[in-house]
Amino acid sequence: MIIRGTKELLVRYEELQSGDIFLGNLMYQSMKDRILIDLLERGVKIFPPALAQSLNNSKVTQAQVFRQWMIPDTLIINNRASLMATISHLNRQQVGRVVTKEDHSCAGYGIRYWDNIEHAYSQTTLSAQTYPFVIQPYVESYLDIRVIIVGDYVEAYTRENPNNFRNNISTGGVRKGYDLTTSQMNFCRRVMKRGKFPYAHIDIMVLADGNIYLSEIALNGGLKGAKVRRKKIQELKDELLEREVAQS
C-alpha cells in the first residue's frame, strides 16, 4: 500500500503495515518526529527518508548532524548553562563577533548578529529567547551560494546584500548566476548523502581561501532568485520520488 500525503496518512494511519510506503513531506511540525519514529518502528518505508524530513528546516539538528561541514565552533545552545560554557570556549578561541540562529526560522528572520558573545548572553537571559538555538562565529566576507539539486537538475546562484549581513533574496539580496566547481558540487553531494536528501536546496559559504562550509539545507527551500519555477521543480521532485518508490 502506498499512502500519499499527510491527510491520507492520518486517515489510514492504523492500516499501515511493514513494507507499506508513505510518500510525501509530513506536515504538523509539532509531532513530525514522533510519527516518523512510529512509522519506522512499524517497518513503513518513507520517501523522502525520515532522516531528511527530520533534519529539514531544523537548524539545531543540522548543526549536530552536519557539524563537520559547518564553520568551526558552530555550537548548539540548549540552556543557560551551555551558553555560559560556550562563552569560555569562544573566548579561549579568541572569537569576537557571533551570530545566533533560531531553530525552525526561515528567510533570515531568525538570524541575529552580536558584537560579542557576552552581548548575546545578556540579551538571551533577559528575553524570551527560546532554547535550543545555534551560535557560530561571524564571518564577514564570503561567497553565499544557493544550490538547488534535483536528480540531474542543478542550479546555483550567489546572493549578496550590501545593506544587510543577511543575504537572503527576501531581505533585499540580489542574485547572480554561478557555476559550481567540482569540489563544491562534491561537497553538496556528500552533505545530501549524509542526510539522505533525495533532492535539496543547499546554502553554502565559500571563503576567500576556498574553504567550503554548509550554512543550511532544506527539502523545499525558497526559490526567489532561481530560474526554475516552483511548478517545474516540484514536478522534478515528484518524478524522482516516484522512481525511488518503484525501485524500492
C-alpha atoms as a PDB file:
ATOM      1  CA  MET A   1       0.000   0.000   0.000  1.00  0.00           C
ATOM      2  CA  ILE A   2       1.228   3.492  -0.858  1.00  0.00           C
ATOM      3  CA  ILE A   3      -0.025   6.457   1.163  1.00  0.00           C
ATOM      4  CA  ARG A   4       0.465   9.846  -0.458  1.00  0.00           C
ATOM      5  CA  GLY A   5       0.446  12.978   1.668  1.00  0.00           C
ATOM      6  CA  THR A   6      -0.249  13.828   5.295  1.00  0.00           C
ATOM      7  CA  LYS A   7      -4.038  13.948   5.042  1.00  0.00           C
ATOM      8  CA  GLU A   8      -4.312  10.398   3.710  1.00  0.00           C
ATOM      9  CA  LEU A   9      -1.717   9.227   6.228  1.00  0.00           C
ATOM     10  CA  LEU A  10      -3.689  10.453   9.224  1.00  0.00           C
ATOM     11  CA  VAL A  11      -6.924   8.916   7.899  1.00  0.00           C
ATOM     12  CA  ARG A  12      -5.353   5.488   7.244  1.00  0.00           C
ATOM     13  CA  TYR A  13      -2.664   5.607   9.899  1.00  0.00           C
ATOM     14  CA  GLU A  14      -3.532   2.361  11.678  1.00  0.00           C
ATOM     15  CA  GLU A  15      -3.802   0.412   8.421  1.00  0.00           C
ATOM     16  CA  LEU A  16      -0.106   0.757   7.621  1.00  0.00           C
ATOM     17  CA  GLN A  17       1.995  -2.367   7.960  1.00  0.00           C
ATOM     18  CA  SER A  18       5.596  -3.361   7.401  1.00  0.00           C
ATOM     19  CA  GLY A  19       6.537  -2.879   3.745  1.00  0.00           C
ATOM     20  CA  ASP A  20       3.900  -0.221   3.083  1.00  0.00           C
ATOM     21  CA  ILE A  21       5.035   3.164   1.816  1.00  0.00           C
ATOM     22  CA  PHE A  22       4.406   6.738   2.927  1.00  0.00           C
ATOM     23  CA  LEU A  23       5.215   9.161   0.123  1.00  0.00           C
ATOM     24  CA  GLY A  24       5.299  12.855   0.967  1.00  0.00           C
ATOM     25  CA  ASN A  25       6.602  15.527   3.300  1.00  0.00           C
ATOM     26  CA  LEU A  26       4.961  15.031   6.681  1.00  0.00           C
ATOM     27  CA  MET A  27       3.243  18.161   7.931  1.00  0.00           C
ATOM     28  CA  TYR A  28       2.342  19.040  11.541  1.00  0.00           C
ATOM     29  CA  GLN A  29       5.771  20.072  12.808  1.00  0.00           C
ATOM     30  CA  SER A  30       4.929  19.570  16.488  1.00  0.00           C
ATOM     31  CA  MET A  31       4.515  15.801  16.125  1.00  0.00           C
ATOM     32  CA  LYS A  32       6.538  15.092  12.979  1.00  0.00           C
ATOM     33  CA  ASP A  33       9.477  13.305  14.617  1.00  0.00           C
ATOM     34  CA  ARG A  34       7.230  11.113  16.787  1.00  0.00           C
ATOM     35  CA  ILE A  35       5.183   9.997  13.797  1.00  0.00           C
ATOM     36  CA  LEU A  36       8.301   9.311  11.726  1.00  0.00           C
ATOM     37  CA  ILE A  37       9.724   7.168  14.531  1.00  0.00           C
ATOM     38  CA  ASP A  38       6.485   5.238  14.850  1.00  0.00           C
ATOM     39  CA  LEU A  39       6.352   4.570  11.112  1.00  0.00           C
ATOM     40  CA  LEU A  40       9.969   3.390  11.072  1.00  0.00           C
ATOM     41  CA  GLU A  41       9.366   1.086  14.036  1.00  0.00           C
ATOM     42  CA  ARG A  42       6.430  -0.461  12.172  1.00  0.00           C
ATOM     43  CA  GLY A  43       8.568  -1.091   9.093  1.00  0.00           C
ATOM     44  CA  VAL A  44       6.935   1.528   6.879  1.00  0.00           C
ATOM     45  CA  LYS A  45       9.136   2.881   4.087  1.00  0.00           C
ATOM     46  CA  ILE A  46       9.266   6.685   3.936  1.00  0.00           C
ATOM     47  CA  PHE A  47      10.006   8.898   0.932  1.00  0.00           C
ATOM     48  CA  PRO A  48      11.719  11.378   1.335  1.00  0.00           C
ATOM     49  CA  PRO A  49      13.590   9.440   4.042  1.00  0.00           C
ATOM     50  CA  ALA A  50      12.710  10.110   7.677  1.00  0.00           C
ATOM     51  CA  LEU A  51      16.188  11.467   8.443  1.00  0.00           C
ATOM     52  CA  ALA A  52      15.925  14.123   5.734  1.00  0.00           C
ATOM     53  CA  GLN A  53      12.434  15.103   6.880  1.00  0.00           C
ATOM     54  CA  SER A  54      13.594  15.392  10.483  1.00  0.00           C
ATOM     55  CA  LEU A  55      16.615  17.496   9.518  1.00  0.00           C
ATOM     56  CA  ASN A  56      14.590  19.689   7.197  1.00  0.00           C
ATOM     57  CA  ASN A  57      14.399  23.287   8.477  1.00  0.00           C
ATOM     58  CA  SER A  58      15.832  22.412  11.907  1.00  0.00           C
ATOM     59  CA  LYS A  59      18.981  24.477  12.283  1.00  0.00           C
ATOM     60  CA  VAL A  60      19.768  22.873  15.639  1.00  0.00           C
ATOM     61  CA  THR A  61      19.533  19.301  14.372  1.00  0.00           C
ATOM     62  CA  GLN A  62      21.546  20.193  11.292  1.00  0.00           C
ATOM     63  CA  ALA A  63      24.257  21.738  13.484  1.00  0.00           C
ATOM     64  CA  GLN A  64      24.578  18.362  15.210  1.00  0.00           C
ATOM     65  CA  VAL A  65      24.459  16.071  12.184  1.00  0.00           C
ATOM     66  CA  PHE A  66      26.419  18.256   9.742  1.00  0.00           C
ATOM     67  CA  ARG A  67      28.859  19.821  12.207  1.00  0.00           C
ATOM     68  CA  GLN A  68      31.927  18.583  10.335  1.00  0.00           C
ATOM     69  CA  TRP A  69      30.867  20.634   7.301  1.00  0.00           C
ATOM     70  CA  MET A  70      29.942  23.826   9.156  1.00  0.00           C
ATOM     71  CA  ILE A  71      32.013  26.810  10.265  1.00  0.00           C
ATOM     72  CA  PRO A  72      34.344  25.689  13.098  1.00  0.00           C
ATOM     73  CA  ASP A  73      32.904  26.366  16.563  1.00  0.00           C
ATOM     74  CA  THR A  74      29.310  26.093  15.380  1.00  0.00           C
ATOM     75  CA  LEU A  75      27.642  25.083  18.639  1.00  0.00           C
ATOM     76  CA  ILE A  76      24.206  24.154  19.950  1.00  0.00           C
ATOM     77  CA  ILE A  77      22.935  26.080  22.960  1.00  0.00           C
ATOM     78  CA  ASN A  78      20.407  24.048  24.940  1.00  0.00           C
ATOM     79  CA  ASN A  79      20.153  26.161  28.081  1.00  0.00           C
ATOM     80  CA  ARG A  80      21.801  28.940  30.083  1.00  0.00           C
ATOM     81  CA  ALA A  81      24.481  26.599  31.413  1.00  0.00           C
ATOM     82  CA  SER A  82      25.590  25.559  27.925  1.00  0.00           C
ATOM     83  CA  LEU A  83      25.647  29.212  26.859  1.00  0.00           C
ATOM     84  CA  MET A  84      27.870  30.058  29.829  1.00  0.00           C
ATOM     85  CA  ALA A  85      30.253  27.227  28.904  1.00  0.00           C
ATOM     86  CA  THR A  86      30.293  28.462  25.315  1.00  0.00           C
ATOM     87  CA  ILE A  87      31.386  31.931  26.464  1.00  0.00           C
ATOM     88  CA  SER A  88      34.554  30.467  27.950  1.00  0.00           C
ATOM     89  CA  HIS A  89      35.180  28.267  24.926  1.00  0.00           C
ATOM     90  CA  LEU A  90      34.796  31.038  22.343  1.00  0.00           C
ATOM     91  CA  ASN A  91      36.861  33.462  24.394  1.00  0.00           C
ATOM     92  CA  ARG A  92      39.664  30.902  24.534  1.00  0.00           C
ATOM     93  CA  GLN A  93      39.409  30.641  20.747  1.00  0.00           C
ATOM     94  CA  GLN A  94      39.519  34.460  20.557  1.00  0.00           C
ATOM     95  CA  VAL A  95      36.193  34.560  18.752  1.00  0.00           C
ATOM     96  CA  GLY A  96      34.722  38.062  18.829  1.00  0.00           C
ATOM     97  CA  ARG A  97      31.557  38.675  16.859  1.00  0.00           C
ATOM     98  CA  VAL A  98      28.996  35.883  16.652  1.00  0.00           C
ATOM     99  CA  VAL A  99      25.620  35.102  15.121  1.00  0.00           C
ATOM    100  CA  THR A 100      22.790  33.092  16.594  1.00  0.00           C
ATOM    101  CA  LYS A 101      20.264  31.094  14.588  1.00  0.00           C
ATOM    102  CA  GLU A 102      16.778  30.414  15.857  1.00  0.00           C
ATOM    103  CA  ASP A 103      15.538  26.890  15.229  1.00  0.00           C
ATOM    104  CA  HIS A 104      12.840  26.415  12.552  1.00  0.00           C
ATOM    105  CA  SER A 105      13.126  30.045  11.420  1.00  0.00           C
ATOM    106  CA  CYS A 106      13.352  30.757   7.678  1.00  0.00           C
ATOM    107  CA  ALA A 107      14.236  33.564   5.273  1.00  0.00           C
ATOM    108  CA  GLY A 108      16.893  35.021   7.562  1.00  0.00           C
ATOM    109  CA  TYR A 109      14.411  36.265  10.163  1.00  0.00           C
ATOM    110  CA  GLY A 110      15.839  34.122  12.962  1.00  0.00           C
ATOM    111  CA  ILE A 111      19.487  35.097  12.418  1.00  0.00           C
ATOM    112  CA  ARG A 112      20.875  37.637  14.886  1.00  0.00           C
ATOM    113  CA  TYR A 113      24.249  39.397  14.953  1.00  0.00           C
ATOM    114  CA  TRP A 114      26.144  40.158  18.190  1.00  0.00           C
ATOM    115  CA  ASP A 115      29.282  42.246  18.718  1.00  0.00           C
ATOM    116  CA  ASN A 116      30.448  39.602  21.177  1.00  0.00           C
ATOM    117  CA  ILE A 117      29.084  36.596  22.987  1.00  0.00           C
ATOM    118  CA  GLU A 118      28.587  38.499  26.251  1.00  0.00           C
ATOM    119  CA  HIS A 119      26.029  40.678  24.493  1.00  0.00           C
ATOM    120  CA  ALA A 120      24.287  37.531  23.289  1.00  0.00           C
ATOM    121  CA  TYR A 121      24.298  36.120  26.819  1.00  0.00           C
ATOM    122  CA  SER A 122      22.915  39.302  28.382  1.00  0.00           C
ATOM    123  CA  GLN A 123      20.102  39.653  25.872  1.00  0.00           C
ATOM    124  CA  THR A 124      19.267  35.961  25.820  1.00  0.00           C
ATOM    125  CA  THR A 125      18.965  35.626  29.594  1.00  0.00           C
ATOM    126  CA  LEU A 126      16.785  38.737  29.841  1.00  0.00           C
ATOM    127  CA  SER A 127      14.459  37.922  26.955  1.00  0.00           C
ATOM    128  CA  ALA A 128      12.132  35.180  25.804  1.00  0.00           C
ATOM    129  CA  GLN A 129      14.799  33.640  23.556  1.00  0.00           C
ATOM    130  CA  THR A 130      13.761  30.047  23.024  1.00  0.00           C
ATOM    131  CA  TYR A 131      16.225  27.237  23.570  1.00  0.00           C
ATOM    132  CA  PRO A 132      17.737  25.461  21.784  1.00  0.00           C
ATOM    133  CA  PHE A 133      19.467  27.650  19.208  1.00  0.00           C
ATOM    134  CA  VAL A 134      22.715  27.677  17.239  1.00  0.00           C
ATOM    135  CA  ILE A 135      25.656  30.009  17.784  1.00  0.00           C
ATOM    136  CA  GLN A 136      28.662  30.368  15.500  1.00  0.00           C
ATOM    137  CA  PRO A 137      31.469  32.835  14.755  1.00  0.00           C
ATOM    138  CA  TYR A 138      30.505  35.732  12.500  1.00  0.00           C
ATOM    139  CA  VAL A 139      32.139  35.534   9.073  1.00  0.00           C
ATOM    140  CA  GLU A 140      32.429  38.950   7.475  1.00  0.00           C
ATOM    141  CA  SER A 141      33.464  38.071   3.941  1.00  0.00           C
ATOM    142  CA  TYR A 142      32.380  35.022   1.982  1.00  0.00           C
ATOM    143  CA  LEU A 143      30.530  33.964  -1.135  1.00  0.00           C
ATOM    144  CA  ASP A 144      26.943  32.974  -0.314  1.00  0.00           C
ATOM    145  CA  ILE A 145      25.736  30.349  -2.798  1.00  0.00           C
ATOM    146  CA  ARG A 146      22.275  28.802  -3.058  1.00  0.00           C
ATOM    147  CA  VAL A 147      22.369  25.390  -4.760  1.00  0.00           C
ATOM    148  CA  ILE A 148      19.281  23.527  -5.978  1.00  0.00           C
ATOM    149  CA  ILE A 149      19.773  19.853  -6.794  1.00  0.00           C
ATOM    150  CA  VAL A 150      17.021  17.520  -8.000  1.00  0.00           C
ATOM    151  CA  GLY A 151      18.412  14.477  -9.773  1.00  0.00           C
ATOM    152  CA  ASP A 152      20.315  15.720 -12.825  1.00  0.00           C
ATOM    153  CA  TYR A 153      18.924  19.226 -12.454  1.00  0.00           C
ATOM    154  CA  VAL A 154      21.421  21.573 -10.801  1.00  0.00           C
ATOM    155  CA  GLU A 155      21.136  25.338 -10.457  1.00  0.00           C
ATOM    156  CA  ALA A 156      23.366  27.634  -8.428  1.00  0.00           C
ATOM    157  CA  TYR A 157      23.463  31.363  -7.845  1.00  0.00           C
ATOM    158  CA  THR A 158      25.147  33.761  -5.468  1.00  0.00           C
ATOM    159  CA  ARG A 159      23.267  36.055  -3.108  1.00  0.00           C
ATOM    160  CA  GLU A 160      24.614  39.407  -1.950  1.00  0.00           C
ATOM    161  CA  ASN A 161      23.152  42.241   0.098  1.00  0.00           C
ATOM    162  CA  PRO A 162      25.297  45.356   0.620  1.00  0.00           C
ATOM    163  CA  ASN A 163      22.808  46.752   3.149  1.00  0.00           C
ATOM    164  CA  ASN A 164      22.260  43.715   5.359  1.00  0.00           C
ATOM    165  CA  PHE A 165      24.527  40.876   6.515  1.00  0.00           C
ATOM    166  CA  ARG A 166      21.636  38.543   5.715  1.00  0.00           C
ATOM    167  CA  ASN A 167      21.955  37.755   2.013  1.00  0.00           C
ATOM    168  CA  ASN A 168      18.503  36.218   1.572  1.00  0.00           C
ATOM    169  CA  ILE A 169      16.685  37.472  -1.524  1.00  0.00           C
ATOM    170  CA  SER A 170      13.633  38.075   0.660  1.00  0.00           C
ATOM    171  CA  THR A 171      15.597  40.579   2.764  1.00  0.00           C
ATOM    172  CA  GLY A 172      16.826  42.556  -0.223  1.00  0.00           C
ATOM    173  CA  GLY A 173      19.652  40.406  -1.547  1.00  0.00           C
ATOM    174  CA  VAL A 174      20.428  40.226  -5.256  1.00  0.00           C
ATOM    175  CA  ARG A 175      21.307  37.104  -7.225  1.00  0.00           C
ATOM    176  CA  LYS A 176      23.862  36.291  -9.851  1.00  0.00           C
ATOM    177  CA  GLY A 177      24.210  33.033 -11.752  1.00  0.00           C
ATOM    178  CA  TYR A 178      27.070  30.833 -10.626  1.00  0.00           C
ATOM    179  CA  ASP A 179      28.861  27.770 -11.993  1.00  0.00           C
ATOM    180  CA  LEU A 180      29.754  25.319  -9.242  1.00  0.00           C
ATOM    181  CA  THR A 181      33.252  23.909  -9.164  1.00  0.00           C
ATOM    182  CA  THR A 182      33.708  20.151  -8.968  1.00  0.00           C
ATOM    183  CA  SER A 183      34.751  20.369  -5.321  1.00  0.00           C
ATOM    184  CA  GLN A 184      31.708  22.477  -4.446  1.00  0.00           C
ATOM    185  CA  MET A 185      29.391  20.041  -6.219  1.00  0.00           C
ATOM    186  CA  ASN A 186      31.009  17.089  -4.474  1.00  0.00           C
ATOM    187  CA  PHE A 187      30.625  18.907  -1.155  1.00  0.00           C
ATOM    188  CA  CYS A 188      26.887  19.303  -1.723  1.00  0.00           C
ATOM    189  CA  ARG A 189      26.510  15.661  -2.727  1.00  0.00           C
ATOM    190  CA  ARG A 190      28.310  14.497   0.428  1.00  0.00           C
ATOM    191  CA  VAL A 191      26.018  16.567   2.615  1.00  0.00           C
ATOM    192  CA  MET A 192      22.948  15.214   0.818  1.00  0.00           C
ATOM    193  CA  LYS A 193      24.181  11.637   1.191  1.00  0.00           C
ATOM    194  CA  ARG A 194      24.824  12.042   4.915  1.00  0.00           C
ATOM    195  CA  GLY A 195      21.350  13.485   5.499  1.00  0.00           C
ATOM    196  CA  LYS A 196      19.641  11.130   2.992  1.00  0.00           C
ATOM    197  CA  PHE A 197      18.257  14.058   0.997  1.00  0.00           C
ATOM    198  CA  PRO A 198      16.985  12.811  -2.387  1.00  0.00           C
ATOM    199  CA  TYR A 199      16.897  16.448  -3.510  1.00  0.00           C
ATOM    200  CA  ALA A 200      17.852  19.655  -1.761  1.00  0.00           C
ATOM    201  CA  HIS A 201      18.092  23.412  -1.559  1.00  0.00           C
ATOM    202  CA  ILE A 202      21.529  23.998  -0.054  1.00  0.00           C
ATOM    203  CA  ASP A 203      23.185  27.196   1.162  1.00  0.00           C
ATOM    204  CA  ILE A 204      26.976  27.063   1.221  1.00  0.00           C
ATOM    205  CA  MET A 205      29.628  29.580   2.230  1.00  0.00           C
ATOM    206  CA  VAL A 206      32.846  29.817   0.218  1.00  0.00           C
ATOM    207  CA  LEU A 207      35.617  31.749   1.950  1.00  0.00           C
ATOM    208  CA  ALA A 208      38.451  33.636   0.286  1.00  0.00           C
ATOM    209  CA  ASP A 209      40.816  30.722   0.980  1.00  0.00           C
ATOM    210  CA  GLY A 210      38.497  28.385  -0.939  1.00  0.00           C
ATOM    211  CA  ASN A 211      37.180  26.533   2.102  1.00  0.00           C
ATOM    212  CA  ILE A 212      33.544  25.465   1.754  1.00  0.00           C
ATOM    213  CA  TYR A 213      31.089  25.362   4.642  1.00  0.00           C
ATOM    214  CA  LEU A 214      27.450  24.393   4.931  1.00  0.00           C
ATOM    215  CA  SER A 215      25.040  27.060   6.106  1.00  0.00           C
ATOM    216  CA  GLU A 216      21.840  25.012   5.905  1.00  0.00           C
ATOM    217  CA  ILE A 217      19.899  22.536   3.788  1.00  0.00           C
ATOM    218  CA  ALA A 218      16.193  22.034   3.087  1.00  0.00           C
ATOM    219  CA  LEU A 219      13.953  19.763   1.070  1.00  0.00           C
ATOM    220  CA  ASN A 220      11.826  22.671  -0.122  1.00  0.00           C
ATOM    221  CA  GLY A 221      13.615  26.000   0.182  1.00  0.00           C
ATOM    222  CA  GLY A 222      12.693  29.348  -1.249  1.00  0.00           C
ATOM    223  CA  LEU A 223      13.000  29.893  -4.987  1.00  0.00           C
ATOM    224  CA  LYS A 224      13.410  33.660  -5.062  1.00  0.00           C
ATOM    225  CA  GLY A 225      16.346  34.240  -7.356  1.00  0.00           C
ATOM    226  CA  ALA A 226      16.103  30.832  -9.030  1.00  0.00           C
ATOM    227  CA  LYS A 227      15.456  30.415 -12.744  1.00  0.00           C
ATOM    228  CA  VAL A 228      13.374  27.294 -12.284  1.00  0.00           C
ATOM    229  CA  ARG A 229       9.727  27.810 -11.389  1.00  0.00           C
ATOM    230  CA  ARG A 230       8.112  26.116  -8.410  1.00  0.00           C
ATOM    231  CA  LYS A 231       5.730  24.046 -10.548  1.00  0.00           C
ATOM    232  CA  LYS A 232       8.603  22.669 -12.607  1.00  0.00           C
ATOM    233  CA  ILE A 233      10.868  21.880  -9.667  1.00  0.00           C
ATOM    234  CA  GLN A 234       8.001  20.167  -7.855  1.00  0.00           C
ATOM    235  CA  GLU A 235       7.359  18.017 -10.920  1.00  0.00           C
ATOM    236  CA  LEU A 236      11.029  17.001 -10.942  1.00  0.00           C
ATOM    237  CA  LYS A 237      10.889  16.152  -7.237  1.00  0.00           C
ATOM    238  CA  ASP A 238       7.715  14.118  -7.614  1.00  0.00           C
ATOM    239  CA  GLU A 239       9.158  12.188 -10.561  1.00  0.00           C
ATOM    240  CA  LEU A 240      12.357  11.445  -8.647  1.00  0.00           C
ATOM    241  CA  LEU A 241      10.453  10.131  -5.617  1.00  0.00           C
ATOM    242  CA  GLU A 242       8.146   8.019  -7.761  1.00  0.00           C
ATOM    243  CA  ARG A 243      11.225   6.402  -9.364  1.00  0.00           C
ATOM    244  CA  GLU A 244      12.679   5.658  -5.952  1.00  0.00           C
ATOM    245  CA  VAL A 245       9.403   4.137  -4.786  1.00  0.00           C
ATOM    246  CA  ALA A 246       9.250   1.950  -7.921  1.00  0.00           C
ATOM    247  CA  GLN A 247      12.790   0.711  -7.263  1.00  0.00           C
ATOM    248  CA  SER A 248      12.224   0.017  -3.542  1.00  0.00           C
END
